[in-house]
Amino acid sequence: MERAEFAVETVLAPVDGTEESAEAVEYAVAIADRYDATVHALYVLGRGVVRGLDAGTVDEDEVAETARVFLREIEEVGAEHDVPVSTSTTQGFSPTIKTRHPGSVVLDSADAVDADFIVLPRESATDAPEVLERAAEYVLAYASQPVLSV
């Protein structure tokens, strides 16, 4: 019996600015390096940030700069291993769309970037669950791509 070859062209790495998501990117870059693939880092904004932006109590420029700095660090990790990294930012929650959940956002983004593999953090080292920790169970249950949850 002939073995089918496993091919990966794009690895999706959802991030939320936490140390755990930065560590997950290290795994995403290693997988991309192994398969000569690219990484797409998706910065997912949490519920508190989204609500604050809608209410005007959170500075949009500050949120954008925080995301830019974190994503720039991820691009540098990719560059250290000659792995191309693209980035984008999205809201993990919506005050008007009840079905918008971080897990569905990750899966929709995986389809949008044609990801063949997803790497995301599963647990936070802090007591407060972060946005991607909430998404991990959902993504593990419903993703059509292989998922590594670290």
N, C-alpha and C. Protein backbone atom coordinates (compact mmCIF):
# COMPACT_ATOMS: atom_id res chain seq x y z
N MET A 1 0.84 -1.17 0.00
CA MET A 1 0.00 0.00 0.00
C MET A 1 0.89 1.24 0.00
N GLU A 2 0.57 2.19 -0.84
CA GLU A 2 1.34 3.41 -0.98
C GLU A 2 0.90 4.43 0.06
N ARG A 3 1.89 5.09 0.70
CA ARG A 3 1.59 6.12 1.69
C ARG A 3 1.34 7.44 1.02
N ALA A 4 0.27 8.11 1.44
CA ALA A 4 -0.01 9.45 0.93
C ALA A 4 0.93 10.44 1.61
N GLU A 5 1.43 11.37 0.83
CA GLU A 5 2.33 12.37 1.39
C GLU A 5 1.52 13.48 2.03
N PHE A 6 1.95 13.91 3.19
CA PHE A 6 1.30 14.99 3.93
C PHE A 6 1.90 16.30 3.45
N ALA A 7 1.09 17.19 2.93
CA ALA A 7 1.57 18.46 2.40
C ALA A 7 0.98 19.62 3.19
N VAL A 8 1.83 20.57 3.50
CA VAL A 8 1.40 21.78 4.20
C VAL A 8 1.96 22.97 3.44
N GLU A 9 1.09 23.89 3.08
CA GLU A 9 1.54 25.11 2.41
C GLU A 9 1.40 26.33 3.31
N THR A 10 0.34 26.34 4.15
CA THR A 10 0.10 27.47 5.04
C THR A 10 -0.29 26.97 6.42
N VAL A 11 0.41 27.48 7.42
CA VAL A 11 0.10 27.18 8.82
C VAL A 11 -0.53 28.43 9.43
N LEU A 12 -1.72 28.27 9.99
CA LEU A 12 -2.38 29.40 10.66
C LEU A 12 -2.01 29.37 12.13
N ALA A 13 -1.56 30.52 12.63
CA ALA A 13 -1.18 30.65 14.04
C ALA A 13 -1.99 31.79 14.65
N PRO A 14 -3.16 31.49 15.22
CA PRO A 14 -3.92 32.54 15.91
C PRO A 14 -3.17 32.97 17.17
N VAL A 15 -3.08 34.26 17.41
CA VAL A 15 -2.37 34.80 18.57
C VAL A 15 -3.25 35.84 19.25
N ASP A 16 -2.95 36.08 20.54
CA ASP A 16 -3.71 37.08 21.28
C ASP A 16 -2.82 37.98 22.12
N GLY A 17 -1.53 37.95 21.86
CA GLY A 17 -0.61 38.80 22.58
C GLY A 17 -0.04 38.18 23.84
N THR A 18 -0.46 36.96 24.17
CA THR A 18 0.04 36.31 25.37
C THR A 18 1.33 35.56 25.09
N GLU A 19 2.03 35.24 26.17
CA GLU A 19 3.25 34.45 26.06
C GLU A 19 2.94 33.07 25.48
N GLU A 20 1.78 32.51 25.85
CA GLU A 20 1.38 31.20 25.34
C GLU A 20 1.18 31.22 23.84
N SER A 21 0.61 32.29 23.32
CA SER A 21 0.42 32.35 21.86
C SER A 21 1.75 32.58 21.15
N ALA A 22 2.67 33.29 21.78
CA ALA A 22 4.00 33.46 21.19
C ALA A 22 4.72 32.12 21.12
N GLU A 23 4.54 31.30 22.16
CA GLU A 23 5.14 29.96 22.16
C GLU A 23 4.52 29.09 21.06
N ALA A 24 3.22 29.21 20.86
CA ALA A 24 2.55 28.44 19.81
C ALA A 24 3.10 28.82 18.44
N VAL A 25 3.47 30.09 18.27
CA VAL A 25 4.05 30.53 16.99
C VAL A 25 5.37 29.81 16.73
N GLU A 26 6.14 29.55 17.78
CA GLU A 26 7.40 28.81 17.61
C GLU A 26 7.12 27.44 16.98
N TYR A 27 6.07 26.78 17.44
CA TYR A 27 5.68 25.49 16.87
C TYR A 27 5.20 25.66 15.43
N ALA A 28 4.42 26.71 15.17
CA ALA A 28 3.92 26.95 13.82
C ALA A 28 5.07 27.17 12.85
N VAL A 29 6.07 27.93 13.28
CA VAL A 29 7.24 28.20 12.43
C VAL A 29 8.03 26.91 12.20
N ALA A 30 8.15 26.08 13.22
CA ALA A 30 8.88 24.80 13.07
C ALA A 30 8.17 23.90 12.06
N ILE A 31 6.85 23.85 12.12
CA ILE A 31 6.08 23.04 11.17
C ILE A 31 6.24 23.61 9.76
N ALA A 32 6.11 24.92 9.65
CA ALA A 32 6.26 25.56 8.33
C ALA A 32 7.66 25.33 7.77
N ASP A 33 8.65 25.40 8.63
CA ASP A 33 10.03 25.16 8.20
C ASP A 33 10.18 23.72 7.70
N ARG A 34 9.61 22.78 8.40
CA ARG A 34 9.70 21.35 8.03
C ARG A 34 9.07 21.08 6.67
N TYR A 35 7.96 21.75 6.38
CA TYR A 35 7.21 21.49 5.15
C TYR A 35 7.42 22.56 4.08
N ASP A 36 8.38 23.46 4.29
CA ASP A 36 8.63 24.54 3.34
C ASP A 36 7.35 25.33 3.08
N ALA A 37 6.68 25.68 4.16
CA ALA A 37 5.39 26.37 4.09
C ALA A 37 5.53 27.80 4.64
N THR A 38 4.44 28.51 4.65
CA THR A 38 4.38 29.84 5.22
C THR A 38 3.52 29.81 6.49
N VAL A 39 3.64 30.86 7.29
CA VAL A 39 2.82 31.01 8.48
C VAL A 39 1.97 32.26 8.31
N HIS A 40 0.70 32.14 8.68
CA HIS A 40 -0.16 33.32 8.76
C HIS A 40 -0.53 33.50 10.22
N ALA A 41 -0.07 34.60 10.83
CA ALA A 41 -0.38 34.91 12.22
C ALA A 41 -1.62 35.80 12.27
N LEU A 42 -2.63 35.32 12.96
CA LEU A 42 -3.91 36.04 13.08
C LEU A 42 -4.04 36.56 14.49
N TYR A 43 -3.97 37.86 14.67
CA TYR A 43 -4.12 38.48 15.99
C TYR A 43 -5.60 38.63 16.27
N VAL A 44 -6.09 37.93 17.30
CA VAL A 44 -7.51 37.91 17.63
C VAL A 44 -7.76 38.78 18.85
N LEU A 45 -8.60 39.80 18.67
CA LEU A 45 -8.92 40.71 19.77
C LEU A 45 -9.99 40.08 20.67
N GLY A 46 -9.79 40.16 21.97
CA GLY A 46 -10.70 39.58 22.94
C GLY A 46 -11.94 40.40 23.19
N ARG A 47 -12.87 39.82 23.94
CA ARG A 47 -14.16 40.42 24.23
C ARG A 47 -14.02 41.79 24.90
N GLY A 48 -13.16 41.89 25.92
CA GLY A 48 -13.00 43.16 26.62
C GLY A 48 -12.51 44.27 25.72
N VAL A 49 -11.56 43.94 24.86
CA VAL A 49 -11.02 44.94 23.92
C VAL A 49 -12.09 45.35 22.92
N VAL A 50 -12.82 44.39 22.39
CA VAL A 50 -13.87 44.69 21.41
C VAL A 50 -14.94 45.58 22.04
N ARG A 51 -15.38 45.21 23.24
CA ARG A 51 -16.40 46.03 23.93
C ARG A 51 -15.86 47.44 24.22
N GLY A 52 -14.61 47.51 24.65
CA GLY A 52 -14.00 48.80 24.92
C GLY A 52 -13.88 49.67 23.68
N LEU A 53 -13.53 49.05 22.56
CA LEU A 53 -13.46 49.80 21.30
C LEU A 53 -14.82 50.32 20.91
N ASP A 54 -15.86 49.47 21.04
CA ASP A 54 -17.23 49.89 20.68
C ASP A 54 -17.73 51.00 21.59
N ALA A 55 -17.36 50.94 22.88
CA ALA A 55 -17.81 51.94 23.85
C ALA A 55 -16.96 53.20 23.83
N GLY A 56 -15.81 53.13 23.16
CA GLY A 56 -14.91 54.28 23.13
C GLY A 56 -14.07 54.41 24.38
N THR A 57 -14.01 53.37 25.20
CA THR A 57 -13.21 53.41 26.43
C THR A 57 -11.82 52.82 26.25
N VAL A 58 -11.58 52.21 25.10
CA VAL A 58 -10.27 51.66 24.77
C VAL A 58 -9.75 52.41 23.55
N ASP A 59 -8.51 52.85 23.63
CA ASP A 59 -7.89 53.61 22.55
C ASP A 59 -7.55 52.70 21.37
N GLU A 60 -8.18 52.94 20.25
CA GLU A 60 -7.98 52.13 19.05
C GLU A 60 -6.53 52.15 18.58
N ASP A 61 -5.89 53.31 18.65
CA ASP A 61 -4.49 53.41 18.23
C ASP A 61 -3.57 52.59 19.13
N GLU A 62 -3.87 52.57 20.42
CA GLU A 62 -3.06 51.78 21.36
C GLU A 62 -3.21 50.28 21.09
N VAL A 63 -4.44 49.85 20.82
CA VAL A 63 -4.68 48.44 20.49
C VAL A 63 -3.96 48.07 19.21
N ALA A 64 -4.06 48.93 18.22
CA ALA A 64 -3.40 48.67 16.93
C ALA A 64 -1.89 48.58 17.10
N GLU A 65 -1.31 49.48 17.91
CA GLU A 65 0.13 49.47 18.12
C GLU A 65 0.57 48.22 18.88
N THR A 66 -0.20 47.80 19.87
CA THR A 66 0.12 46.58 20.61
C THR A 66 0.13 45.38 19.68
N ALA A 67 -0.88 45.29 18.83
CA ALA A 67 -0.96 44.19 17.86
C ALA A 67 0.20 44.25 16.88
N ARG A 68 0.51 45.45 16.39
CA ARG A 68 1.62 45.61 15.43
C ARG A 68 2.95 45.16 16.03
N VAL A 69 3.21 45.55 17.26
CA VAL A 69 4.47 45.18 17.92
C VAL A 69 4.56 43.66 18.08
N PHE A 70 3.48 43.05 18.55
CA PHE A 70 3.47 41.60 18.75
C PHE A 70 3.65 40.88 17.41
N LEU A 71 2.93 41.32 16.39
CA LEU A 71 3.03 40.67 15.07
C LEU A 71 4.41 40.88 14.45
N ARG A 72 5.02 42.01 14.70
CA ARG A 72 6.38 42.27 14.20
C ARG A 72 7.36 41.27 14.83
N GLU A 73 7.19 40.99 16.13
CA GLU A 73 8.04 40.00 16.81
C GLU A 73 7.86 38.62 16.18
N ILE A 74 6.64 38.29 15.80
CA ILE A 74 6.35 37.01 15.16
C ILE A 74 7.02 36.94 13.79
N GLU A 75 6.95 38.03 13.06
CA GLU A 75 7.62 38.07 11.76
C GLU A 75 9.12 37.85 11.91
N GLU A 76 9.70 38.39 13.00
CA GLU A 76 11.13 38.20 13.25
C GLU A 76 11.46 36.74 13.55
N VAL A 77 10.57 36.05 14.27
CA VAL A 77 10.77 34.62 14.53
C VAL A 77 10.78 33.86 13.21
N GLY A 78 9.85 34.18 12.33
CA GLY A 78 9.83 33.54 11.01
C GLY A 78 11.09 33.84 10.23
N ALA A 79 11.54 35.09 10.26
CA ALA A 79 12.73 35.47 9.52
C ALA A 79 13.97 34.73 10.01
N GLU A 80 14.04 34.46 11.33
CA GLU A 80 15.18 33.73 11.88
C GLU A 80 15.28 32.32 11.29
N HIS A 81 14.16 31.78 10.82
CA HIS A 81 14.12 30.42 10.27
C HIS A 81 13.82 30.41 8.76
N ASP A 82 13.90 31.58 8.14
CA ASP A 82 13.60 31.74 6.72
C ASP A 82 12.20 31.24 6.37
N VAL A 83 11.25 31.48 7.27
CA VAL A 83 9.85 31.11 7.05
C VAL A 83 9.06 32.40 6.82
N PRO A 84 8.44 32.55 5.65
CA PRO A 84 7.63 33.74 5.40
C PRO A 84 6.42 33.78 6.35
N VAL A 85 6.17 34.97 6.92
CA VAL A 85 5.05 35.15 7.83
C VAL A 85 4.21 36.31 7.33
N SER A 86 2.91 36.06 7.14
CA SER A 86 1.95 37.12 6.86
C SER A 86 1.10 37.31 8.11
N THR A 87 0.47 38.46 8.24
CA THR A 87 -0.29 38.75 9.45
C THR A 87 -1.61 39.44 9.14
N SER A 88 -2.54 39.31 10.08
CA SER A 88 -3.80 40.06 10.03
C SER A 88 -4.36 40.15 11.45
N THR A 89 -5.32 41.01 11.62
CA THR A 89 -5.97 41.21 12.92
C THR A 89 -7.47 41.11 12.73
N THR A 90 -8.15 40.53 13.72
CA THR A 90 -9.61 40.41 13.66
C THR A 90 -10.20 40.47 15.05
N GLN A 91 -11.49 40.70 15.12
CA GLN A 91 -12.20 40.69 16.40
C GLN A 91 -12.71 39.29 16.66
N GLY A 92 -12.44 38.78 17.85
CA GLY A 92 -12.89 37.44 18.22
C GLY A 92 -14.32 37.39 18.70
N PHE A 93 -14.89 38.55 18.96
CA PHE A 93 -16.27 38.63 19.45
C PHE A 93 -16.97 39.77 18.73
N SER A 94 -18.30 39.75 18.77
CA SER A 94 -19.09 40.83 18.20
C SER A 94 -20.25 41.13 19.13
N PRO A 95 -20.51 42.41 19.39
CA PRO A 95 -21.66 42.75 20.22
C PRO A 95 -22.99 42.59 19.46
N THR A 96 -22.92 42.43 18.15
CA THR A 96 -24.15 42.33 17.36
C THR A 96 -24.36 40.99 16.68
N ILE A 97 -23.30 40.22 16.52
CA ILE A 97 -23.41 38.91 15.86
C ILE A 97 -23.17 37.82 16.91
N LYS A 98 -24.23 37.19 17.36
CA LYS A 98 -24.12 36.22 18.44
C LYS A 98 -23.28 34.99 18.08
N THR A 99 -23.21 34.66 16.82
CA THR A 99 -22.45 33.47 16.41
C THR A 99 -20.96 33.75 16.23
N ARG A 100 -20.54 34.99 16.40
CA ARG A 100 -19.11 35.31 16.26
C ARG A 100 -18.40 34.95 17.56
N HIS A 101 -17.62 33.93 17.50
CA HIS A 101 -16.91 33.37 18.64
C HIS A 101 -15.46 33.19 18.21
N PRO A 102 -14.50 33.28 19.11
CA PRO A 102 -13.10 33.13 18.70
C PRO A 102 -12.83 31.85 17.91
N GLY A 103 -13.49 30.75 18.27
CA GLY A 103 -13.29 29.50 17.55
C GLY A 103 -13.77 29.58 16.12
N SER A 104 -14.95 30.17 15.92
CA SER A 104 -15.46 30.29 14.55
C SER A 104 -14.64 31.29 13.75
N VAL A 105 -14.12 32.32 14.42
CA VAL A 105 -13.26 33.30 13.74
C VAL A 105 -11.98 32.62 13.25
N VAL A 106 -11.40 31.77 14.10
CA VAL A 106 -10.18 31.05 13.71
C VAL A 106 -10.46 30.14 12.52
N LEU A 107 -11.55 29.39 12.57
CA LEU A 107 -11.86 28.47 11.46
C LEU A 107 -12.21 29.23 10.18
N ASP A 108 -12.94 30.33 10.28
CA ASP A 108 -13.23 31.14 9.09
C ASP A 108 -11.94 31.71 8.50
N SER A 109 -11.04 32.14 9.36
CA SER A 109 -9.76 32.67 8.89
C SER A 109 -8.91 31.58 8.26
N ALA A 110 -8.97 30.38 8.83
CA ALA A 110 -8.23 29.26 8.24
C ALA A 110 -8.70 29.01 6.81
N ASP A 111 -10.00 29.07 6.60
CA ASP A 111 -10.54 28.92 5.24
C ASP A 111 -10.11 30.08 4.35
N ALA A 112 -10.14 31.30 4.88
CA ALA A 112 -9.80 32.49 4.09
C ALA A 112 -8.36 32.48 3.61
N VAL A 113 -7.44 31.98 4.44
CA VAL A 113 -6.02 31.96 4.04
C VAL A 113 -5.61 30.60 3.48
N ASP A 114 -6.59 29.71 3.33
CA ASP A 114 -6.36 28.36 2.80
C ASP A 114 -5.31 27.61 3.62
N ALA A 115 -5.48 27.67 4.95
CA ALA A 115 -4.53 27.01 5.86
C ALA A 115 -4.68 25.50 5.80
N ASP A 116 -3.55 24.82 5.83
CA ASP A 116 -3.52 23.36 5.84
C ASP A 116 -3.30 22.81 7.24
N PHE A 117 -2.93 23.69 8.18
CA PHE A 117 -2.58 23.27 9.53
C PHE A 117 -2.83 24.45 10.45
N ILE A 118 -3.29 24.19 11.68
CA ILE A 118 -3.54 25.25 12.66
C ILE A 118 -2.77 24.92 13.93
N VAL A 119 -2.08 25.93 14.47
CA VAL A 119 -1.38 25.78 15.75
C VAL A 119 -1.87 26.90 16.66
N LEU A 120 -2.41 26.51 17.83
CA LEU A 120 -2.88 27.52 18.77
C LEU A 120 -2.67 27.08 20.20
N PRO A 121 -2.60 28.08 21.10
CA PRO A 121 -2.42 27.73 22.51
C PRO A 121 -3.71 27.15 23.09
N ARG A 122 -3.54 26.22 24.02
CA ARG A 122 -4.70 25.59 24.64
C ARG A 122 -4.96 26.11 26.04
N GLU A 123 -3.92 26.36 26.80
CA GLU A 123 -4.09 26.78 28.17
C GLU A 123 -3.25 28.02 28.47
N SER A 124 -3.80 28.84 29.32
CA SER A 124 -3.10 30.03 29.76
C SER A 124 -2.42 29.74 31.09
N ALA A 125 -1.28 30.34 31.31
CA ALA A 125 -0.59 30.16 32.57
C ALA A 125 -1.21 31.04 33.66
N THR A 126 -2.06 31.97 33.27
CA THR A 126 -2.72 32.85 34.23
C THR A 126 -4.09 32.29 34.59
N ASP A 127 -4.70 32.86 35.61
CA ASP A 127 -6.02 32.41 36.03
C ASP A 127 -7.13 32.90 35.09
N ALA A 128 -6.88 34.01 34.42
CA ALA A 128 -7.90 34.57 33.53
C ALA A 128 -7.77 33.96 32.15
N PRO A 129 -8.80 33.25 31.67
CA PRO A 129 -8.70 32.64 30.35
C PRO A 129 -8.63 33.71 29.26
N GLU A 130 -7.69 33.55 28.39
CA GLU A 130 -7.53 34.48 27.28
C GLU A 130 -8.41 34.04 26.11
N VAL A 131 -8.46 34.87 25.10
CA VAL A 131 -9.36 34.65 23.98
C VAL A 131 -9.11 33.33 23.26
N LEU A 132 -7.86 32.96 23.05
CA LEU A 132 -7.59 31.74 22.29
C LEU A 132 -7.76 30.48 23.11
N GLU A 133 -7.61 30.59 24.42
CA GLU A 133 -7.88 29.43 25.26
C GLU A 133 -9.36 29.05 25.11
N ARG A 134 -10.22 30.03 24.97
CA ARG A 134 -11.64 29.77 24.76
C ARG A 134 -11.90 29.15 23.38
N ALA A 135 -11.05 29.46 22.44
CA ALA A 135 -11.24 28.97 21.07
C ALA A 135 -10.72 27.56 20.86
N ALA A 136 -9.76 27.13 21.65
CA ALA A 136 -9.07 25.87 21.39
C ALA A 136 -10.00 24.67 21.33
N GLU A 137 -10.89 24.53 22.30
CA GLU A 137 -11.81 23.38 22.30
C GLU A 137 -12.66 23.36 21.03
N TYR A 138 -13.15 24.52 20.65
CA TYR A 138 -13.99 24.65 19.46
C TYR A 138 -13.21 24.26 18.21
N VAL A 139 -12.01 24.80 18.08
CA VAL A 139 -11.19 24.53 16.90
C VAL A 139 -10.83 23.04 16.84
N LEU A 140 -10.46 22.48 17.98
CA LEU A 140 -10.13 21.05 18.01
C LEU A 140 -11.32 20.19 17.59
N ALA A 141 -12.52 20.62 17.95
CA ALA A 141 -13.71 19.83 17.64
C ALA A 141 -14.16 19.97 16.18
N TYR A 142 -13.98 21.14 15.59
CA TYR A 142 -14.60 21.41 14.29
C TYR A 142 -13.66 21.67 13.12
N ALA A 143 -12.37 21.75 13.34
CA ALA A 143 -11.45 22.05 12.24
C ALA A 143 -11.37 20.90 11.26
N SER A 144 -11.30 21.23 9.99
CA SER A 144 -11.10 20.19 8.96
C SER A 144 -9.61 19.97 8.71
N GLN A 145 -8.78 20.89 9.20
CA GLN A 145 -7.33 20.78 9.07
C GLN A 145 -6.77 20.09 10.32
N PRO A 146 -5.56 19.56 10.23
CA PRO A 146 -4.88 19.09 11.44
C PRO A 146 -4.66 20.27 12.38
N VAL A 147 -4.77 20.03 13.69
CA VAL A 147 -4.60 21.09 14.69
C VAL A 147 -3.60 20.61 15.73
N LEU A 148 -2.67 21.50 16.05
CA LEU A 148 -1.76 21.27 17.16
C LEU A 148 -2.10 22.31 18.21
N SER A 149 -2.52 21.86 19.37
CA SER A 149 -2.85 22.76 20.47
C SER A 149 -1.78 22.60 21.54
N VAL A 150 -1.04 23.69 21.79
CA VAL A 150 0.07 23.62 22.73
C VAL A 150 -0.16 24.48 23.95
